[in-house]
Amino acid sequence: MTTIEWSDFEQVEIRVGTVVSAEPNTKARTPSYILSVDLGKNGVRTSSAQVTEHYSAENLVGRQVLCVCNFEPKRVAGVKSEVLVTGVHDDNGDVVLPGFELPVPNGNRLM
């Protein structure tokens, strides 16, 4: 494992947001959803997320997620993905989203 300086970590803006809409991305080669994520004062941003194995579009709406907000937007299967929704692979390689025990304000930064 490579160590980094605190200043390196501070450069990555990871913020909490609430999924306000989720729909299948029919243009994606790998099953994905197009998510709209409310990041509070940072606005609503779009993400293409490969989280279809454990989550339906319906149960993603209202869920709080952690997003990397300061990557350059990337075109993914016809979608301008503005944030990266974070997760961890399980033993099968499917993405599991992190969760919160209590609700937190949209836009707050991971510390």
N, C-alpha and C. Protein backbone atom coordinates (compact mmCIF):
# COMPACT_ATOMS: atom_id res chain seq x y z
N MET A 1 0.84 -1.17 0.00
CA MET A 1 0.00 0.00 0.00
C MET A 1 0.89 1.24 0.00
N THR A 2 0.59 2.18 -0.86
CA THR A 2 1.33 3.42 -0.94
C THR A 2 0.73 4.44 0.01
N THR A 3 1.57 5.11 0.78
CA THR A 3 1.06 6.16 1.66
C THR A 3 1.03 7.48 0.91
N ILE A 4 0.10 8.34 1.32
CA ILE A 4 -0.03 9.67 0.73
C ILE A 4 -0.01 10.70 1.84
N GLU A 5 0.16 11.93 1.47
CA GLU A 5 0.12 13.04 2.41
C GLU A 5 -1.34 13.45 2.62
N TRP A 6 -1.62 14.05 3.77
CA TRP A 6 -2.97 14.55 4.06
C TRP A 6 -3.42 15.51 2.96
N SER A 7 -2.51 16.31 2.46
CA SER A 7 -2.85 17.28 1.42
C SER A 7 -3.33 16.58 0.13
N ASP A 8 -2.83 15.36 -0.13
CA ASP A 8 -3.31 14.59 -1.29
C ASP A 8 -4.78 14.22 -1.09
N PHE A 9 -5.11 13.73 0.10
CA PHE A 9 -6.49 13.35 0.41
C PHE A 9 -7.42 14.55 0.33
N GLU A 10 -6.96 15.69 0.79
CA GLU A 10 -7.79 16.90 0.79
C GLU A 10 -8.17 17.35 -0.63
N GLN A 11 -7.41 16.92 -1.61
CA GLN A 11 -7.71 17.30 -2.99
C GLN A 11 -8.92 16.57 -3.55
N VAL A 12 -9.28 15.44 -2.98
CA VAL A 12 -10.41 14.65 -3.46
C VAL A 12 -11.67 15.12 -2.73
N GLU A 13 -12.63 15.64 -3.49
CA GLU A 13 -13.89 16.10 -2.89
C GLU A 13 -14.90 14.97 -2.92
N ILE A 14 -15.09 14.34 -1.77
CA ILE A 14 -16.09 13.29 -1.64
C ILE A 14 -17.23 13.86 -0.82
N ARG A 15 -18.41 13.94 -1.44
CA ARG A 15 -19.56 14.57 -0.79
C ARG A 15 -20.75 13.63 -0.79
N VAL A 16 -21.63 13.84 0.19
CA VAL A 16 -22.85 13.05 0.28
C VAL A 16 -23.93 13.70 -0.57
N GLY A 17 -24.71 12.86 -1.20
CA GLY A 17 -25.86 13.33 -1.98
C GLY A 17 -26.98 12.32 -1.89
N THR A 18 -28.17 12.77 -2.24
CA THR A 18 -29.34 11.89 -2.24
C THR A 18 -29.76 11.62 -3.68
N VAL A 19 -29.95 10.35 -4.00
CA VAL A 19 -30.41 9.97 -5.34
C VAL A 19 -31.86 10.45 -5.49
N VAL A 20 -32.10 11.30 -6.49
CA VAL A 20 -33.46 11.81 -6.72
C VAL A 20 -34.14 11.12 -7.89
N SER A 21 -33.36 10.49 -8.76
CA SER A 21 -33.95 9.68 -9.83
C SER A 21 -32.93 8.64 -10.27
N ALA A 22 -33.47 7.51 -10.74
CA ALA A 22 -32.63 6.41 -11.23
C ALA A 22 -33.39 5.72 -12.35
N GLU A 23 -32.70 5.52 -13.47
CA GLU A 23 -33.31 4.82 -14.59
C GLU A 23 -32.26 3.98 -15.29
N PRO A 24 -32.67 2.88 -15.89
CA PRO A 24 -31.69 2.05 -16.60
C PRO A 24 -31.02 2.83 -17.74
N ASN A 25 -29.73 2.62 -17.91
CA ASN A 25 -29.01 3.18 -19.04
C ASN A 25 -29.02 2.13 -20.14
N THR A 26 -29.96 2.27 -21.06
CA THR A 26 -30.15 1.26 -22.11
C THR A 26 -29.01 1.25 -23.12
N LYS A 27 -28.17 2.28 -23.14
CA LYS A 27 -27.05 2.33 -24.08
C LYS A 27 -25.78 1.68 -23.53
N ALA A 28 -25.78 1.35 -22.25
CA ALA A 28 -24.58 0.80 -21.61
C ALA A 28 -24.38 -0.66 -21.98
N ARG A 29 -23.13 -1.06 -22.22
CA ARG A 29 -22.81 -2.48 -22.48
C ARG A 29 -22.95 -3.31 -21.21
N THR A 30 -22.55 -2.72 -20.08
CA THR A 30 -22.69 -3.36 -18.78
C THR A 30 -23.92 -2.74 -18.11
N PRO A 31 -24.81 -3.55 -17.54
CA PRO A 31 -26.02 -2.97 -16.92
C PRO A 31 -25.66 -1.84 -15.95
N SER A 32 -26.32 -0.70 -16.14
CA SER A 32 -26.04 0.51 -15.36
C SER A 32 -27.32 1.31 -15.18
N TYR A 33 -27.26 2.21 -14.23
CA TYR A 33 -28.33 3.19 -14.03
C TYR A 33 -27.79 4.58 -14.32
N ILE A 34 -28.66 5.44 -14.79
CA ILE A 34 -28.38 6.87 -14.86
C ILE A 34 -28.99 7.45 -13.59
N LEU A 35 -28.14 8.00 -12.74
CA LEU A 35 -28.59 8.56 -11.46
C LEU A 35 -28.52 10.08 -11.49
N SER A 36 -29.51 10.72 -10.91
CA SER A 36 -29.45 12.15 -10.61
C SER A 36 -29.28 12.25 -9.11
N VAL A 37 -28.23 12.95 -8.68
CA VAL A 37 -27.87 13.00 -7.27
C VAL A 37 -27.90 14.44 -6.80
N ASP A 38 -28.70 14.72 -5.76
CA ASP A 38 -28.80 16.06 -5.18
C ASP A 38 -27.66 16.25 -4.19
N LEU A 39 -26.77 17.18 -4.53
CA LEU A 39 -25.60 17.46 -3.70
C LEU A 39 -25.76 18.78 -2.95
N GLY A 40 -26.99 19.12 -2.61
CA GLY A 40 -27.24 20.34 -1.84
C GLY A 40 -26.85 21.58 -2.62
N LYS A 41 -26.09 22.46 -1.98
CA LYS A 41 -25.70 23.73 -2.63
C LYS A 41 -24.84 23.51 -3.86
N ASN A 42 -24.31 22.28 -4.05
CA ASN A 42 -23.51 21.94 -5.23
C ASN A 42 -24.36 21.49 -6.40
N GLY A 43 -25.68 21.49 -6.23
CA GLY A 43 -26.59 21.18 -7.33
C GLY A 43 -26.87 19.71 -7.51
N VAL A 44 -27.67 19.42 -8.52
CA VAL A 44 -27.99 18.04 -8.88
C VAL A 44 -27.05 17.63 -10.00
N ARG A 45 -26.38 16.51 -9.81
CA ARG A 45 -25.39 16.02 -10.78
C ARG A 45 -25.80 14.64 -11.28
N THR A 46 -25.32 14.29 -12.47
CA THR A 46 -25.64 13.02 -13.10
C THR A 46 -24.47 12.06 -12.96
N SER A 47 -24.80 10.78 -12.80
CA SER A 47 -23.78 9.74 -12.73
C SER A 47 -24.28 8.50 -13.44
N SER A 48 -23.38 7.79 -14.10
CA SER A 48 -23.68 6.47 -14.63
C SER A 48 -23.07 5.47 -13.66
N ALA A 49 -23.91 4.60 -13.08
CA ALA A 49 -23.43 3.73 -12.01
C ALA A 49 -23.77 2.28 -12.28
N GLN A 50 -22.77 1.42 -12.17
CA GLN A 50 -22.96 -0.02 -12.37
C GLN A 50 -23.29 -0.67 -11.02
N VAL A 51 -24.51 -0.43 -10.57
CA VAL A 51 -24.95 -0.93 -9.27
C VAL A 51 -26.24 -1.74 -9.38
N THR A 52 -26.45 -2.34 -10.56
CA THR A 52 -27.73 -3.02 -10.83
C THR A 52 -27.87 -4.37 -10.14
N GLU A 53 -26.78 -4.98 -9.73
CA GLU A 53 -26.86 -6.32 -9.16
C GLU A 53 -27.57 -6.34 -7.81
N HIS A 54 -27.27 -5.36 -6.97
CA HIS A 54 -27.83 -5.35 -5.61
C HIS A 54 -28.96 -4.33 -5.42
N TYR A 55 -29.17 -3.45 -6.40
CA TYR A 55 -30.11 -2.34 -6.21
C TYR A 55 -31.05 -2.21 -7.40
N SER A 56 -32.32 -2.01 -7.11
CA SER A 56 -33.27 -1.67 -8.17
C SER A 56 -33.31 -0.14 -8.27
N ALA A 57 -33.76 0.35 -9.40
CA ALA A 57 -33.88 1.81 -9.58
C ALA A 57 -34.78 2.38 -8.48
N GLU A 58 -35.85 1.68 -8.16
CA GLU A 58 -36.81 2.18 -7.18
C GLU A 58 -36.19 2.30 -5.79
N ASN A 59 -35.35 1.32 -5.39
CA ASN A 59 -34.81 1.43 -4.03
C ASN A 59 -33.56 2.32 -3.94
N LEU A 60 -33.08 2.82 -5.07
CA LEU A 60 -31.99 3.80 -5.04
C LEU A 60 -32.51 5.21 -4.75
N VAL A 61 -33.72 5.51 -5.22
CA VAL A 61 -34.29 6.85 -5.03
C VAL A 61 -34.48 7.09 -3.53
N GLY A 62 -33.93 8.20 -3.05
CA GLY A 62 -33.98 8.55 -1.64
C GLY A 62 -32.78 8.09 -0.84
N ARG A 63 -31.95 7.26 -1.43
CA ARG A 63 -30.76 6.74 -0.75
C ARG A 63 -29.64 7.78 -0.79
N GLN A 64 -28.93 7.94 0.32
CA GLN A 64 -27.77 8.81 0.34
C GLN A 64 -26.55 8.01 -0.12
N VAL A 65 -25.73 8.65 -0.95
CA VAL A 65 -24.53 8.03 -1.52
C VAL A 65 -23.35 8.97 -1.36
N LEU A 66 -22.15 8.42 -1.47
CA LEU A 66 -20.93 9.23 -1.46
C LEU A 66 -20.43 9.37 -2.89
N CYS A 67 -20.14 10.60 -3.29
CA CYS A 67 -19.72 10.89 -4.66
C CYS A 67 -18.40 11.64 -4.69
N VAL A 68 -17.52 11.24 -5.61
CA VAL A 68 -16.34 12.05 -5.91
C VAL A 68 -16.83 13.14 -6.87
N CYS A 69 -16.66 14.39 -6.44
CA CYS A 69 -17.27 15.51 -7.17
C CYS A 69 -16.30 16.32 -8.01
N ASN A 70 -15.00 16.08 -7.88
CA ASN A 70 -14.08 16.95 -8.61
C ASN A 70 -13.26 16.23 -9.68
N PHE A 71 -13.80 15.14 -10.23
CA PHE A 71 -13.25 14.58 -11.47
C PHE A 71 -13.82 15.38 -12.64
N GLU A 72 -13.10 15.40 -13.74
CA GLU A 72 -13.66 15.96 -14.96
C GLU A 72 -14.86 15.11 -15.38
N PRO A 73 -15.93 15.74 -15.88
CA PRO A 73 -17.05 14.93 -16.39
C PRO A 73 -16.56 13.97 -17.46
N LYS A 74 -17.19 12.80 -17.50
CA LYS A 74 -16.79 11.75 -18.44
C LYS A 74 -18.02 11.23 -19.15
N ARG A 75 -17.92 11.03 -20.46
CA ARG A 75 -19.03 10.48 -21.23
C ARG A 75 -19.01 8.97 -21.09
N VAL A 76 -20.12 8.41 -20.55
CA VAL A 76 -20.23 6.97 -20.32
C VAL A 76 -21.52 6.49 -20.97
N ALA A 77 -21.41 5.70 -22.03
CA ALA A 77 -22.58 5.13 -22.71
C ALA A 77 -23.64 6.19 -22.99
N GLY A 78 -23.22 7.31 -23.54
CA GLY A 78 -24.14 8.36 -23.92
C GLY A 78 -24.55 9.29 -22.81
N VAL A 79 -24.01 9.11 -21.62
CA VAL A 79 -24.37 9.93 -20.47
C VAL A 79 -23.17 10.78 -20.04
N LYS A 80 -23.41 12.06 -19.77
CA LYS A 80 -22.36 12.90 -19.21
C LYS A 80 -22.34 12.64 -17.71
N SER A 81 -21.39 11.82 -17.27
CA SER A 81 -21.28 11.45 -15.86
C SER A 81 -20.45 12.53 -15.17
N GLU A 82 -21.10 13.27 -14.26
CA GLU A 82 -20.47 14.42 -13.61
C GLU A 82 -19.87 14.10 -12.26
N VAL A 83 -20.32 13.02 -11.64
CA VAL A 83 -19.77 12.58 -10.35
C VAL A 83 -19.59 11.07 -10.39
N LEU A 84 -18.69 10.59 -9.56
CA LEU A 84 -18.48 9.15 -9.42
C LEU A 84 -19.12 8.70 -8.11
N VAL A 85 -20.15 7.87 -8.22
CA VAL A 85 -20.76 7.30 -7.03
C VAL A 85 -19.84 6.18 -6.55
N THR A 86 -19.44 6.24 -5.28
CA THR A 86 -18.46 5.29 -4.75
C THR A 86 -19.13 4.03 -4.22
N GLY A 87 -18.37 2.96 -4.21
CA GLY A 87 -18.82 1.68 -3.68
C GLY A 87 -17.64 0.75 -3.54
N VAL A 88 -17.93 -0.45 -3.05
CA VAL A 88 -16.91 -1.47 -2.83
C VAL A 88 -17.39 -2.75 -3.47
N HIS A 89 -16.49 -3.46 -4.13
CA HIS A 89 -16.85 -4.74 -4.74
C HIS A 89 -17.01 -5.82 -3.68
N ASP A 90 -18.04 -6.64 -3.84
CA ASP A 90 -18.20 -7.79 -2.96
C ASP A 90 -17.39 -8.96 -3.53
N ASP A 91 -17.57 -10.14 -2.95
CA ASP A 91 -16.80 -11.31 -3.40
C ASP A 91 -17.09 -11.71 -4.84
N ASN A 92 -18.23 -11.30 -5.38
CA ASN A 92 -18.60 -11.62 -6.77
C ASN A 92 -18.21 -10.50 -7.73
N GLY A 93 -17.64 -9.41 -7.23
CA GLY A 93 -17.27 -8.29 -8.08
C GLY A 93 -18.39 -7.30 -8.30
N ASP A 94 -19.51 -7.46 -7.58
CA ASP A 94 -20.63 -6.54 -7.70
C ASP A 94 -20.47 -5.39 -6.70
N VAL A 95 -20.97 -4.21 -7.06
CA VAL A 95 -20.76 -3.02 -6.24
C VAL A 95 -21.78 -2.96 -5.11
N VAL A 96 -21.26 -2.70 -3.90
CA VAL A 96 -22.08 -2.45 -2.72
C VAL A 96 -21.84 -0.99 -2.33
N LEU A 97 -22.91 -0.24 -2.17
CA LEU A 97 -22.81 1.17 -1.81
C LEU A 97 -22.60 1.34 -0.31
N PRO A 98 -21.78 2.33 0.09
CA PRO A 98 -21.67 2.63 1.52
C PRO A 98 -22.97 3.23 2.02
N GLY A 99 -23.21 3.13 3.31
CA GLY A 99 -24.44 3.68 3.88
C GLY A 99 -24.17 4.51 5.12
N PHE A 100 -25.21 5.16 5.60
CA PHE A 100 -25.12 6.01 6.78
C PHE A 100 -26.12 5.53 7.82
N GLU A 101 -25.71 5.58 9.08
CA GLU A 101 -26.63 5.22 10.15
C GLU A 101 -27.67 6.30 10.37
N LEU A 102 -27.28 7.55 10.13
CA LEU A 102 -28.17 8.70 10.31
C LEU A 102 -28.12 9.56 9.06
N PRO A 103 -29.21 10.26 8.73
CA PRO A 103 -29.15 11.15 7.57
C PRO A 103 -28.21 12.32 7.83
N VAL A 104 -27.53 12.75 6.78
CA VAL A 104 -26.65 13.92 6.86
C VAL A 104 -27.03 14.87 5.73
N PRO A 105 -26.71 16.16 5.88
CA PRO A 105 -27.09 17.14 4.86
C PRO A 105 -26.39 16.85 3.52
N ASN A 106 -27.17 16.95 2.43
CA ASN A 106 -26.60 16.81 1.09
C ASN A 106 -25.51 17.85 0.89
N GLY A 107 -24.42 17.43 0.26
CA GLY A 107 -23.32 18.32 -0.04
C GLY A 107 -22.22 18.30 1.00
N ASN A 108 -22.50 17.73 2.19
CA ASN A 108 -21.44 17.67 3.20
C ASN A 108 -20.29 16.80 2.71
N ARG A 109 -19.09 17.20 3.10
CA ARG A 109 -17.88 16.54 2.62
C ARG A 109 -17.42 15.46 3.57
N LEU A 110 -16.95 14.35 3.01
CA LEU A 110 -16.34 13.28 3.79
C LEU A 110 -15.07 13.81 4.43
N MET A 111 -14.89 13.59 5.70
CA MET A 111 -13.73 14.10 6.43
C MET A 111 -12.84 12.96 6.82
